[in-house]
Amino acid sequence: MVGPESRHFAADRSKIDKIFVLKEYREGADPAYPELQADTYHDVFKALGITGQKLRIGVASYLDTSVVIMEGIKAAFPEAEIVRADHIMVELRSIKTANEINCLREGYRIAELASQQVIKEIKPGMTELQMVGVAQRVVYENGAEYEGLPMYVFSEASTRHAISRSSYRKFEKGDIVQLNLSAKIDGYSAAIGYPVILGKLEGKRRDVVMFGLEAHNWSQKQVKAGVMACDIAKNFYQYFVDNGYKDNFVYGPLHGTGMIEVEAPWVETTSDYALKPNMCYQIDTFISTGTFGVRWEKGIAVTESGCDVLSPEIGTLYELDF
């Protein structure tokens, strides 16, 4: 199912023979396409051999389904019962094949190449966006099809944002700079994150950064098949509390990864499932203070006895001398 301008793109790139052009997938400018003889969801279902009106239709990725798409489904099947079916796709997507894991592993390799090149080129007086440009150059030069996420190069105050955007801010000596760089391979997103210091890190700031790394390493040790996800999350939060960082906790400790950088399932205190082999996660350890934050992040695949680290190992605190 594609929008009005994508029929030939879909035919050229897709492994699926049947292509349907629906107005529900038109661009945000809301063109009318008055000459288009568009397909409907009724046409799609009929081609799949699904007939009748009183159907039970499951919508996966319910959170991402637009009002226009939902209205199109209802218009085609006004008597249907429409239910959430996210759990079906989560079950199918959460356990990765060997080929999927290889795609992720290659993405992590390229993301680390980008990170190391940024470390080589970064200096006071340059901007965050200049370093994004360096990272983008490297991921494309080394075979990535796209960035896996908007490249993160933040400094100082913006590092306390769990999600942010790089800016024209110029680096200063002594800055904490957060890197979260990524590469996409065959549709699979891989990201690596760690801090870089433009000088020497001392005092309380060093304590916070190194505690983040300790919590990251703690999380890795908890992972293996059969462990309840909620238990890891509850103990992770308690680890913050026990070490005096309760007020600096934001989220954690893991989230799924795959075709998007944050893919279900998360590992949270309410998660009611056990880890299984070849589930793939980001160990995403974020800690925030009033003036700065830090994230240590890498990718893993669950194994029977622990986890396989898919990315180059992280853990070095880079303190650059200028």
C-alpha atoms as a PDB file:
ATOM      1  CA  MET A   1       0.000   0.000   0.000  1.00  0.00           C
ATOM      2  CA  VAL A   2       1.541   3.271  -1.149  1.00  0.00           C
ATOM      3  CA  GLY A   3       0.671   6.887  -1.790  1.00  0.00           C
ATOM      4  CA  PRO A   4      -0.280   8.314  -5.194  1.00  0.00           C
ATOM      5  CA  GLU A   5       3.290   9.198  -6.171  1.00  0.00           C
ATOM      6  CA  SER A   6       4.955   5.931  -5.196  1.00  0.00           C
ATOM      7  CA  ARG A   7       3.490   3.225  -7.434  1.00  0.00           C
ATOM      8  CA  HIS A   8       6.609   2.799  -9.583  1.00  0.00           C
ATOM      9  CA  PHE A   9       8.967   3.117  -6.626  1.00  0.00           C
ATOM     10  CA  ALA A  10       7.104   0.322  -4.868  1.00  0.00           C
ATOM     11  CA  ALA A  11       7.088  -1.868  -7.968  1.00  0.00           C
ATOM     12  CA  ASP A  12      10.822  -1.366  -8.484  1.00  0.00           C
ATOM     13  CA  ARG A  13      11.896  -1.891  -4.876  1.00  0.00           C
ATOM     14  CA  SER A  14       9.353  -4.216  -3.284  1.00  0.00           C
ATOM     15  CA  LYS A  15       9.386  -8.022  -3.194  1.00  0.00           C
ATOM     16  CA  ILE A  16       5.574  -7.903  -3.060  1.00  0.00           C
ATOM     17  CA  ASP A  17       3.836  -8.189  -6.430  1.00  0.00           C
ATOM     18  CA  LYS A  18       0.519  -6.580  -5.524  1.00  0.00           C
ATOM     19  CA  ILE A  19       0.756  -2.793  -5.333  1.00  0.00           C
ATOM     20  CA  PHE A  20      -2.195  -0.686  -4.174  1.00  0.00           C
ATOM     21  CA  VAL A  21      -2.311   3.110  -4.420  1.00  0.00           C
ATOM     22  CA  LEU A  22      -4.411   4.640  -1.641  1.00  0.00           C
ATOM     23  CA  LYS A  23      -5.130   8.292  -0.994  1.00  0.00           C
ATOM     24  CA  GLU A  24      -4.797   7.585   2.722  1.00  0.00           C
ATOM     25  CA  TYR A  25      -1.012   7.558   2.199  1.00  0.00           C
ATOM     26  CA  ARG A  26      -0.835  10.922   0.406  1.00  0.00           C
ATOM     27  CA  GLU A  27       1.608  13.564   1.504  1.00  0.00           C
ATOM     28  CA  GLY A  28       0.946  16.043   4.293  1.00  0.00           C
ATOM     29  CA  ALA A  29       0.072  18.935   1.960  1.00  0.00           C
ATOM     30  CA  ASP A  30      -3.203  17.053   1.371  1.00  0.00           C
ATOM     31  CA  PRO A  31      -3.433  17.135  -2.447  1.00  0.00           C
ATOM     32  CA  ALA A  32      -6.779  16.000  -3.884  1.00  0.00           C
ATOM     33  CA  TYR A  33      -5.396  14.065  -6.878  1.00  0.00           C
ATOM     34  CA  PRO A  34      -8.716  14.561  -8.757  1.00  0.00           C
ATOM     35  CA  GLU A  35      -7.619  12.473 -11.754  1.00  0.00           C
ATOM     36  CA  LEU A  36      -6.460   9.489  -9.703  1.00  0.00           C
ATOM     37  CA  GLN A  37      -8.526   6.320  -9.634  1.00  0.00           C
ATOM     38  CA  ALA A  38      -7.353   5.259  -6.204  1.00  0.00           C
ATOM     39  CA  ASP A  39      -7.652   1.877  -4.553  1.00  0.00           C
ATOM     40  CA  THR A  40      -9.374   1.432  -1.201  1.00  0.00           C
ATOM     41  CA  TYR A  41      -8.819  -0.841   1.755  1.00  0.00           C
ATOM     42  CA  HIS A  42     -11.761  -2.840   0.443  1.00  0.00           C
ATOM     43  CA  ASP A  43      -9.749  -3.540  -2.727  1.00  0.00           C
ATOM     44  CA  VAL A  44      -6.754  -4.612  -0.660  1.00  0.00           C
ATOM     45  CA  PHE A  45      -8.756  -7.039   1.463  1.00  0.00           C
ATOM     46  CA  LYS A  46     -10.540  -8.474  -1.581  1.00  0.00           C
ATOM     47  CA  ALA A  47      -7.204  -9.185  -3.285  1.00  0.00           C
ATOM     48  CA  LEU A  48      -6.183 -11.135  -0.194  1.00  0.00           C
ATOM     49  CA  GLY A  49      -9.348 -13.220  -0.365  1.00  0.00           C
ATOM     50  CA  ILE A  50     -10.995 -11.499   2.594  1.00  0.00           C
ATOM     51  CA  THR A  51     -14.654 -10.760   1.965  1.00  0.00           C
ATOM     52  CA  GLY A  52     -17.646  -9.660   3.990  1.00  0.00           C
ATOM     53  CA  GLN A  53     -18.315  -6.573   6.048  1.00  0.00           C
ATOM     54  CA  LYS A  54     -18.593  -7.713   9.657  1.00  0.00           C
ATOM     55  CA  LEU A  55     -14.892  -8.303  10.113  1.00  0.00           C
ATOM     56  CA  ARG A  56     -12.547  -8.027  13.069  1.00  0.00           C
ATOM     57  CA  ILE A  57      -9.617  -5.928  11.888  1.00  0.00           C
ATOM     58  CA  GLY A  58      -6.425  -5.656  13.905  1.00  0.00           C
ATOM     59  CA  VAL A  59      -4.342  -2.492  13.578  1.00  0.00           C
ATOM     60  CA  ALA A  60      -0.672  -2.966  14.384  1.00  0.00           C
ATOM     61  CA  SER A  61       1.475   0.015  15.375  1.00  0.00           C
ATOM     62  CA  TYR A  62      -1.710   1.640  16.637  1.00  0.00           C
ATOM     63  CA  LEU A  63       0.195   4.605  18.036  1.00  0.00           C
ATOM     64  CA  ASP A  64       1.537   5.476  14.575  1.00  0.00           C
ATOM     65  CA  THR A  65      -1.727   5.007  12.677  1.00  0.00           C
ATOM     66  CA  SER A  66      -2.952   8.403  11.491  1.00  0.00           C
ATOM     67  CA  VAL A  67      -6.530   9.628  11.747  1.00  0.00           C
ATOM     68  CA  VAL A  68      -6.739   9.612   7.928  1.00  0.00           C
ATOM     69  CA  ILE A  69      -5.699   5.956   7.713  1.00  0.00           C
ATOM     70  CA  MET A  70      -8.117   4.947  10.454  1.00  0.00           C
ATOM     71  CA  GLU A  71     -10.958   6.831   8.761  1.00  0.00           C
ATOM     72  CA  GLY A  72     -10.146   5.062   5.497  1.00  0.00           C
ATOM     73  CA  ILE A  73     -10.402   1.656   7.155  1.00  0.00           C
ATOM     74  CA  LYS A  74     -13.699   2.588   8.780  1.00  0.00           C
ATOM     75  CA  ALA A  75     -15.093   3.928   5.499  1.00  0.00           C
ATOM     76  CA  ALA A  76     -14.228   0.691   3.691  1.00  0.00           C
ATOM     77  CA  PHE A  77     -15.582  -1.504   6.494  1.00  0.00           C
ATOM     78  CA  PRO A  78     -18.181   0.457   8.471  1.00  0.00           C
ATOM     79  CA  GLU A  79     -19.466  -2.677  10.215  1.00  0.00           C
ATOM     80  CA  ALA A  80     -16.048  -3.979  11.232  1.00  0.00           C
ATOM     81  CA  GLU A  81     -14.709  -4.234  14.770  1.00  0.00           C
ATOM     82  CA  ILE A  82     -11.314  -2.517  14.819  1.00  0.00           C
ATOM     83  CA  VAL A  83      -8.946  -3.605  17.587  1.00  0.00           C
ATOM     84  CA  ARG A  84      -5.331  -3.040  18.561  1.00  0.00           C
ATOM     85  CA  ALA A  85      -3.004  -5.766  17.280  1.00  0.00           C
ATOM     86  CA  ASP A  86       0.364  -4.355  18.314  1.00  0.00           C
ATOM     87  CA  HIS A  87       1.177  -7.475  20.312  1.00  0.00           C
ATOM     88  CA  ILE A  88       1.133  -9.652  17.192  1.00  0.00           C
ATOM     89  CA  MET A  89       3.790  -7.603  15.427  1.00  0.00           C
ATOM     90  CA  VAL A  90       5.862  -7.213  18.590  1.00  0.00           C
ATOM     91  CA  GLU A  91       5.944 -10.992  18.941  1.00  0.00           C
ATOM     92  CA  LEU A  92       6.991 -11.390  15.308  1.00  0.00           C
ATOM     93  CA  ARG A  93       9.582  -8.600  15.353  1.00  0.00           C
ATOM     94  CA  SER A  94      11.198  -9.038  18.771  1.00  0.00           C
ATOM     95  CA  ILE A  95      13.221 -12.171  17.984  1.00  0.00           C
ATOM     96  CA  LYS A  96      15.721 -11.540  15.205  1.00  0.00           C
ATOM     97  CA  THR A  97      17.136 -13.952  12.633  1.00  0.00           C
ATOM     98  CA  ALA A  98      20.866 -14.393  12.061  1.00  0.00           C
ATOM     99  CA  ASN A  99      20.643 -12.197   8.955  1.00  0.00           C
ATOM    100  CA  GLU A 100      18.874  -9.432  10.858  1.00  0.00           C
ATOM    101  CA  ILE A 101      21.513  -9.552  13.582  1.00  0.00           C
ATOM    102  CA  ASN A 102      24.262  -9.353  10.961  1.00  0.00           C
ATOM    103  CA  CYS A 103      22.659  -6.206   9.545  1.00  0.00           C
ATOM    104  CA  LEU A 104      22.637  -4.657  13.007  1.00  0.00           C
ATOM    105  CA  ARG A 105      26.220  -5.704  13.679  1.00  0.00           C
ATOM    106  CA  GLU A 106      27.402  -4.010  10.484  1.00  0.00           C
ATOM    107  CA  GLY A 107      25.477  -0.871  11.404  1.00  0.00           C
ATOM    108  CA  TYR A 108      27.187  -0.728  14.796  1.00  0.00           C
ATOM    109  CA  ARG A 109      30.589  -1.143  13.155  1.00  0.00           C
ATOM    110  CA  ILE A 110      29.936   1.845  10.925  1.00  0.00           C
ATOM    111  CA  ALA A 111      28.474   3.941  13.761  1.00  0.00           C
ATOM    112  CA  GLU A 112      31.651   3.414  15.759  1.00  0.00           C
ATOM    113  CA  LEU A 113      33.778   4.472  12.776  1.00  0.00           C
ATOM    114  CA  ALA A 114      31.769   7.699  12.697  1.00  0.00           C
ATOM    115  CA  SER A 115      32.184   8.193  16.444  1.00  0.00           C
ATOM    116  CA  GLN A 116      35.942   7.773  16.252  1.00  0.00           C
ATOM    117  CA  GLN A 117      36.212  10.209  13.352  1.00  0.00           C
ATOM    118  CA  VAL A 118      34.264  12.826  15.292  1.00  0.00           C
ATOM    119  CA  ILE A 119      36.663  12.340  18.206  1.00  0.00           C
ATOM    120  CA  LYS A 120      39.599  12.936  15.838  1.00  0.00           C
ATOM    121  CA  GLU A 121      38.158  16.139  14.372  1.00  0.00           C
ATOM    122  CA  ILE A 122      36.255  17.788  17.230  1.00  0.00           C
ATOM    123  CA  LYS A 123      37.781  20.872  18.827  1.00  0.00           C
ATOM    124  CA  PRO A 124      36.683  24.005  20.701  1.00  0.00           C
ATOM    125  CA  GLY A 125      35.190  26.610  18.366  1.00  0.00           C
ATOM    126  CA  MET A 126      33.515  24.089  16.077  1.00  0.00           C
ATOM    127  CA  THR A 127      29.738  23.605  16.188  1.00  0.00           C
ATOM    128  CA  GLU A 128      27.619  20.597  17.060  1.00  0.00           C
ATOM    129  CA  LEU A 129      26.234  20.542  13.526  1.00  0.00           C
ATOM    130  CA  GLN A 130      29.719  20.498  12.018  1.00  0.00           C
ATOM    131  CA  MET A 131      30.354  17.241  13.852  1.00  0.00           C
ATOM    132  CA  VAL A 132      27.024  15.862  12.647  1.00  0.00           C
ATOM    133  CA  GLY A 133      28.334  16.518   9.139  1.00  0.00           C
ATOM    134  CA  VAL A 134      31.503  14.566   9.877  1.00  0.00           C
ATOM    135  CA  ALA A 135      29.464  11.629  11.175  1.00  0.00           C
ATOM    136  CA  GLN A 136      27.135  11.636   8.181  1.00  0.00           C
ATOM    137  CA  ARG A 137      30.065  11.637   5.779  1.00  0.00           C
ATOM    138  CA  VAL A 138      31.611   8.602   7.456  1.00  0.00           C
ATOM    139  CA  VAL A 139      28.459   6.487   7.616  1.00  0.00           C
ATOM    140  CA  TYR A 140      27.765   6.990   3.918  1.00  0.00           C
ATOM    141  CA  GLU A 141      31.404   6.482   2.915  1.00  0.00           C
ATOM    142  CA  ASN A 142      31.413   3.146   4.717  1.00  0.00           C
ATOM    143  CA  GLY A 143      28.268   1.671   3.205  1.00  0.00           C
ATOM    144  CA  ALA A 144      25.297   2.798   5.290  1.00  0.00           C
ATOM    145  CA  GLU A 145      22.097   3.522   3.386  1.00  0.00           C
ATOM    146  CA  TYR A 146      21.015   6.201   5.857  1.00  0.00           C
ATOM    147  CA  GLU A 147      21.451   7.382   9.413  1.00  0.00           C
ATOM    148  CA  GLY A 148      19.636   5.122  11.850  1.00  0.00           C
ATOM    149  CA  LEU A 149      18.391   8.160  13.782  1.00  0.00           C
ATOM    150  CA  PRO A 150      18.934  11.930  13.659  1.00  0.00           C
ATOM    151  CA  MET A 151      22.605  12.190  14.620  1.00  0.00           C
ATOM    152  CA  TYR A 152      23.136  13.325  18.212  1.00  0.00           C
ATOM    153  CA  VAL A 153      26.047  15.625  18.958  1.00  0.00           C
ATOM    154  CA  PHE A 154      25.038  17.665  22.005  1.00  0.00           C
ATOM    155  CA  SER A 155      27.129  19.679  24.419  1.00  0.00           C
ATOM    156  CA  GLU A 156      26.780  20.864  27.989  1.00  0.00           C
ATOM    157  CA  ALA A 157      23.190  21.918  28.865  1.00  0.00           C
ATOM    158  CA  SER A 158      21.579  20.068  25.965  1.00  0.00           C
ATOM    159  CA  THR A 159      23.152  16.795  27.105  1.00  0.00           C
ATOM    160  CA  ARG A 160      20.520  16.669  29.848  1.00  0.00           C
ATOM    161  CA  HIS A 161      17.852  16.256  27.148  1.00  0.00           C
ATOM    162  CA  ALA A 162      16.956  12.608  26.678  1.00  0.00           C
ATOM    163  CA  ILE A 163      15.907  13.539  23.133  1.00  0.00           C
ATOM    164  CA  SER A 164      17.254  16.691  21.496  1.00  0.00           C
ATOM    165  CA  ARG A 165      18.683  18.146  18.301  1.00  0.00           C
ATOM    166  CA  SER A 166      22.177  19.321  17.481  1.00  0.00           C
ATOM    167  CA  SER A 167      22.579  23.080  17.121  1.00  0.00           C
ATOM    168  CA  TYR A 168      24.934  25.845  16.040  1.00  0.00           C
ATOM    169  CA  ARG A 169      26.389  26.015  19.555  1.00  0.00           C
ATOM    170  CA  LYS A 170      30.178  26.260  19.490  1.00  0.00           C
ATOM    171  CA  PHE A 171      32.118  23.881  21.690  1.00  0.00           C
ATOM    172  CA  GLU A 172      34.158  25.299  24.526  1.00  0.00           C
ATOM    173  CA  LYS A 173      37.117  23.823  26.350  1.00  0.00           C
ATOM    174  CA  GLY A 174      35.905  21.659  29.228  1.00  0.00           C
ATOM    175  CA  ASP A 175      32.580  20.765  27.587  1.00  0.00           C
ATOM    176  CA  ILE A 176      30.889  17.429  28.006  1.00  0.00           C
ATOM    177  CA  VAL A 177      29.835  16.385  24.505  1.00  0.00           C
ATOM    178  CA  GLN A 178      27.345  13.564  24.017  1.00  0.00           C
ATOM    179  CA  LEU A 179      27.655  11.434  20.889  1.00  0.00           C
ATOM    180  CA  ASN A 180      24.833   9.163  19.736  1.00  0.00           C
ATOM    181  CA  LEU A 181      25.652   8.187  16.174  1.00  0.00           C
ATOM    182  CA  SER A 182      24.001   5.601  14.011  1.00  0.00           C
ATOM    183  CA  ALA A 183      23.928   3.789  10.692  1.00  0.00           C
ATOM    184  CA  LYS A 184      21.160   1.953   8.865  1.00  0.00           C
ATOM    185  CA  ILE A 185      21.909  -1.257   6.950  1.00  0.00           C
ATOM    186  CA  ASP A 186      19.181  -2.914   4.845  1.00  0.00           C
ATOM    187  CA  GLY A 187      16.567  -1.142   6.936  1.00  0.00           C
ATOM    188  CA  TYR A 188      18.063  -2.005  10.342  1.00  0.00           C
ATOM    189  CA  SER A 189      19.073   0.787  12.692  1.00  0.00           C
ATOM    190  CA  ALA A 190      22.145   0.575  14.932  1.00  0.00           C
ATOM    191  CA  ALA A 191      23.272   3.315  17.331  1.00  0.00           C
ATOM    192  CA  ILE A 192      26.178   3.810  19.720  1.00  0.00           C
ATOM    193  CA  GLY A 193      26.381   6.500  22.391  1.00  0.00           C
ATOM    194  CA  TYR A 194      28.965   7.783  24.849  1.00  0.00           C
ATOM    195  CA  PRO A 195      30.372  11.079  26.165  1.00  0.00           C
ATOM    196  CA  VAL A 196      33.487  12.881  24.997  1.00  0.00           C
ATOM    197  CA  ILE A 197      35.169  15.471  27.223  1.00  0.00           C
ATOM    198  CA  LEU A 198      36.929  18.479  25.716  1.00  0.00           C
ATOM    199  CA  GLY A 199      39.465  18.569  28.503  1.00  0.00           C
ATOM    200  CA  LYS A 200      39.666  16.921  31.923  1.00  0.00           C
ATOM    201  CA  LEU A 201      36.556  15.733  33.769  1.00  0.00           C
ATOM    202  CA  GLU A 202      36.719  16.220  37.519  1.00  0.00           C
ATOM    203  CA  GLY A 203      34.675  16.322  40.703  1.00  0.00           C
ATOM    204  CA  LYS A 204      30.943  15.659  40.810  1.00  0.00           C
ATOM    205  CA  ARG A 205      30.674  15.772  37.025  1.00  0.00           C
ATOM    206  CA  ARG A 206      33.094  12.880  36.781  1.00  0.00           C
ATOM    207  CA  ASP A 207      31.211  10.962  39.474  1.00  0.00           C
ATOM    208  CA  VAL A 208      27.944  11.253  37.544  1.00  0.00           C
ATOM    209  CA  VAL A 209      29.462  10.203  34.226  1.00  0.00           C
ATOM    210  CA  MET A 210      31.237   7.211  35.727  1.00  0.00           C
ATOM    211  CA  PHE A 211      28.154   6.127  37.658  1.00  0.00           C
ATOM    212  CA  GLY A 212      26.310   6.074  34.349  1.00  0.00           C
ATOM    213  CA  LEU A 213      28.945   3.685  33.013  1.00  0.00           C
ATOM    214  CA  GLU A 214      28.696   1.534  36.145  1.00  0.00           C
ATOM    215  CA  ALA A 215      24.918   1.320  35.741  1.00  0.00           C
ATOM    216  CA  HIS A 216      25.407   0.444  32.073  1.00  0.00           C
ATOM    217  CA  ASN A 217      27.765  -2.409  32.905  1.00  0.00           C
ATOM    218  CA  TRP A 218      25.425  -3.563  35.676  1.00  0.00           C
ATOM    219  CA  SER A 219      22.573  -3.758  33.172  1.00  0.00           C
ATOM    220  CA  GLN A 220      24.600  -5.894  30.784  1.00  0.00           C
ATOM    221  CA  LYS A 221      25.300  -8.432  33.523  1.00  0.00           C
ATOM    222  CA  GLN A 222      21.564  -8.918  34.204  1.00  0.00           C
ATOM    223  CA  VAL A 223      20.685  -9.955  30.657  1.00  0.00           C
ATOM    224  CA  LYS A 224      20.113 -13.579  29.713  1.00  0.00           C
ATOM    225  CA  ALA A 225      17.304 -15.734  28.371  1.00  0.00           C
ATOM    226  CA  GLY A 226      14.588 -16.533  30.893  1.00  0.00           C
ATOM    227  CA  VAL A 227      15.014 -13.432  33.048  1.00  0.00           C
ATOM    228  CA  MET A 228      11.848 -11.395  33.546  1.00  0.00           C
ATOM    229  CA  ALA A 229      12.192  -7.974  31.948  1.00  0.00           C
ATOM    230  CA  CYS A 230      10.400  -6.257  34.834  1.00  0.00           C
ATOM    231  CA  ASP A 231      12.921  -7.643  37.335  1.00  0.00           C
ATOM    232  CA  ILE A 232      15.830  -6.091  35.443  1.00  0.00           C
ATOM    233  CA  ALA A 233      14.030  -2.738  35.329  1.00  0.00           C
ATOM    234  CA  LYS A 234      13.034  -2.781  39.002  1.00  0.00           C
ATOM    235  CA  ASN A 235      16.550  -3.644  40.107  1.00  0.00           C
ATOM    236  CA  PHE A 236      18.004  -1.028  37.754  1.00  0.00           C
ATOM    237  CA  TYR A 237      15.912   1.687  39.370  1.00  0.00           C
ATOM    238  CA  GLN A 238      16.906   0.398  42.805  1.00  0.00           C
ATOM    239  CA  TYR A 239      20.550   0.577  41.737  1.00  0.00           C
ATOM    240  CA  PHE A 240      20.081   4.317  41.169  1.00  0.00           C
ATOM    241  CA  VAL A 241      18.345   4.695  44.533  1.00  0.00           C
ATOM    242  CA  ASP A 242      20.974   2.724  46.442  1.00  0.00           C
ATOM    243  CA  ASN A 243      23.793   4.790  44.969  1.00  0.00           C
ATOM    244  CA  GLY A 244      22.194   8.160  45.679  1.00  0.00           C
ATOM    245  CA  TYR A 245      21.044   8.938  42.138  1.00  0.00           C
ATOM    246  CA  LYS A 246      17.286   8.522  42.503  1.00  0.00           C
ATOM    247  CA  ASP A 247      16.602  12.101  41.383  1.00  0.00           C
ATOM    248  CA  ASN A 248      18.777  11.621  38.296  1.00  0.00           C
ATOM    249  CA  PHE A 249      16.864   8.610  36.976  1.00  0.00           C
ATOM    250  CA  VAL A 250      14.910   9.222  33.750  1.00  0.00           C
ATOM    251  CA  TYR A 251      14.211   5.811  32.187  1.00  0.00           C
ATOM    252  CA  GLY A 252      15.875   2.519  31.511  1.00  0.00           C
ATOM    253  CA  PRO A 253      17.563   0.192  31.276  1.00  0.00           C
ATOM    254  CA  LEU A 254      16.933  -1.350  27.827  1.00  0.00           C
ATOM    255  CA  HIS A 255      14.721  -0.915  24.787  1.00  0.00           C
ATOM    256  CA  GLY A 256      14.292  -3.031  21.699  1.00  0.00           C
ATOM    257  CA  THR A 257      16.003  -2.214  18.442  1.00  0.00           C
ATOM    258  CA  GLY A 258      15.653  -3.367  14.866  1.00  0.00           C
ATOM    259  CA  MET A 259      14.007  -1.597  11.960  1.00  0.00           C
ATOM    260  CA  ILE A 260      13.736   1.575  14.021  1.00  0.00           C
ATOM    261  CA  GLU A 261      16.099   2.828  16.694  1.00  0.00           C
ATOM    262  CA  VAL A 262      13.575   2.334  19.485  1.00  0.00           C
ATOM    263  CA  GLU A 263      11.561  -0.769  18.747  1.00  0.00           C
ATOM    264  CA  ALA A 264       9.207  -2.634  21.054  1.00  0.00           C
ATOM    265  CA  PRO A 265       9.506  -4.185  23.515  1.00  0.00           C
ATOM    266  CA  TRP A 266      10.920  -1.931  26.200  1.00  0.00           C
ATOM    267  CA  VAL A 267      12.310  -3.239  29.461  1.00  0.00           C
ATOM    268  CA  GLU A 268      10.300  -1.437  32.144  1.00  0.00           C
ATOM    269  CA  THR A 269       9.095  -2.126  35.660  1.00  0.00           C
ATOM    270  CA  THR A 270       5.699  -3.097  34.200  1.00  0.00           C
ATOM    271  CA  SER A 271       7.078  -5.442  31.507  1.00  0.00           C
ATOM    272  CA  ASP A 272       5.488  -8.879  31.931  1.00  0.00           C
ATOM    273  CA  TYR A 273       7.612 -11.017  29.628  1.00  0.00           C
ATOM    274  CA  ALA A 274      10.811 -13.054  29.848  1.00  0.00           C
ATOM    275  CA  LEU A 275      13.825 -12.410  27.670  1.00  0.00           C
ATOM    276  CA  LYS A 276      14.359 -14.896  24.835  1.00  0.00           C
ATOM    277  CA  PRO A 277      17.398 -15.735  22.705  1.00  0.00           C
ATOM    278  CA  ASN A 278      17.985 -13.350  19.782  1.00  0.00           C
ATOM    279  CA  MET A 279      15.874 -10.572  21.228  1.00  0.00           C
ATOM    280  CA  CYS A 280      17.878  -7.456  20.354  1.00  0.00           C
ATOM    281  CA  TYR A 281      18.161  -4.447  22.637  1.00  0.00           C
ATOM    282  CA  GLN A 282      19.965  -1.214  23.164  1.00  0.00           C
ATOM    283  CA  ILE A 283      21.458  -1.031  26.633  1.00  0.00           C
ATOM    284  CA  ASP A 284      20.528   2.634  26.954  1.00  0.00           C
ATOM    285  CA  THR A 285      21.806   4.131  30.193  1.00  0.00           C
ATOM    286  CA  PHE A 286      20.860   7.785  30.584  1.00  0.00           C
ATOM    287  CA  ILE A 287      21.407   9.935  33.655  1.00  0.00           C
ATOM    288  CA  SER A 288      20.475  13.610  33.911  1.00  0.00           C
ATOM    289  CA  THR A 289      21.327  16.430  36.307  1.00  0.00           C
ATOM    290  CA  GLY A 290      20.225  20.045  36.401  1.00  0.00           C
ATOM    291  CA  THR A 291      23.133  21.163  34.211  1.00  0.00           C
ATOM    292  CA  PHE A 292      24.189  18.174  32.097  1.00  0.00           C
ATOM    293  CA  GLY A 293      23.482  14.551  31.330  1.00  0.00           C
ATOM    294  CA  VAL A 294      25.187  11.515  29.870  1.00  0.00           C
ATOM    295  CA  ARG A 295      24.214   8.427  27.921  1.00  0.00           C
ATOM    296  CA  TRP A 296      26.116   5.185  27.482  1.00  0.00           C
ATOM    297  CA  GLU A 297      24.487   3.060  24.789  1.00  0.00           C
ATOM    298  CA  LYS A 298      25.238  -0.018  22.686  1.00  0.00           C
ATOM    299  CA  GLY A 299      23.476  -2.956  21.056  1.00  0.00           C
ATOM    300  CA  ILE A 300      23.149  -6.555  22.243  1.00  0.00           C
ATOM    301  CA  ALA A 301      21.432  -9.811  21.345  1.00  0.00           C
ATOM    302  CA  VAL A 302      20.138 -12.019  24.167  1.00  0.00           C
ATOM    303  CA  THR A 303      21.710 -15.484  24.515  1.00  0.00           C
ATOM    304  CA  GLU A 304      21.010 -18.465  26.776  1.00  0.00           C
ATOM    305  CA  SER A 305      23.875 -17.529  29.082  1.00  0.00           C
ATOM    306  CA  GLY A 306      23.974 -13.749  28.766  1.00  0.00           C
ATOM    307  CA  CYS A 307      24.219 -11.494  25.752  1.00  0.00           C
ATOM    308  CA  ASP A 308      26.240 -11.008  22.598  1.00  0.00           C
ATOM    309  CA  VAL A 309      27.487  -7.440  22.254  1.00  0.00           C
ATOM    310  CA  LEU A 310      26.786  -6.503  18.637  1.00  0.00           C
ATOM    311  CA  SER A 311      28.637  -3.203  18.671  1.00  0.00           C
ATOM    312  CA  PRO A 312      32.301  -2.495  19.289  1.00  0.00           C
ATOM    313  CA  GLU A 313      32.598  -2.413  23.077  1.00  0.00           C
ATOM    314  CA  ILE A 314      32.214   0.983  24.725  1.00  0.00           C
ATOM    315  CA  GLY A 315      33.407   2.188  28.110  1.00  0.00           C
ATOM    316  CA  THR A 316      36.392   4.424  27.419  1.00  0.00           C
ATOM    317  CA  LEU A 317      36.022   7.926  28.815  1.00  0.00           C
ATOM    318  CA  TYR A 318      37.541  10.146  26.150  1.00  0.00           C
ATOM    319  CA  GLU A 319      39.225  13.202  27.705  1.00  0.00           C
ATOM    320  CA  LEU A 320      40.744  15.210  24.874  1.00  0.00           C
ATOM    321  CA  ASP A 321      43.693  17.540  25.304  1.00  0.00           C
ATOM    322  CA  PHE A 322      43.757  20.886  23.485  1.00  0.00           C
END
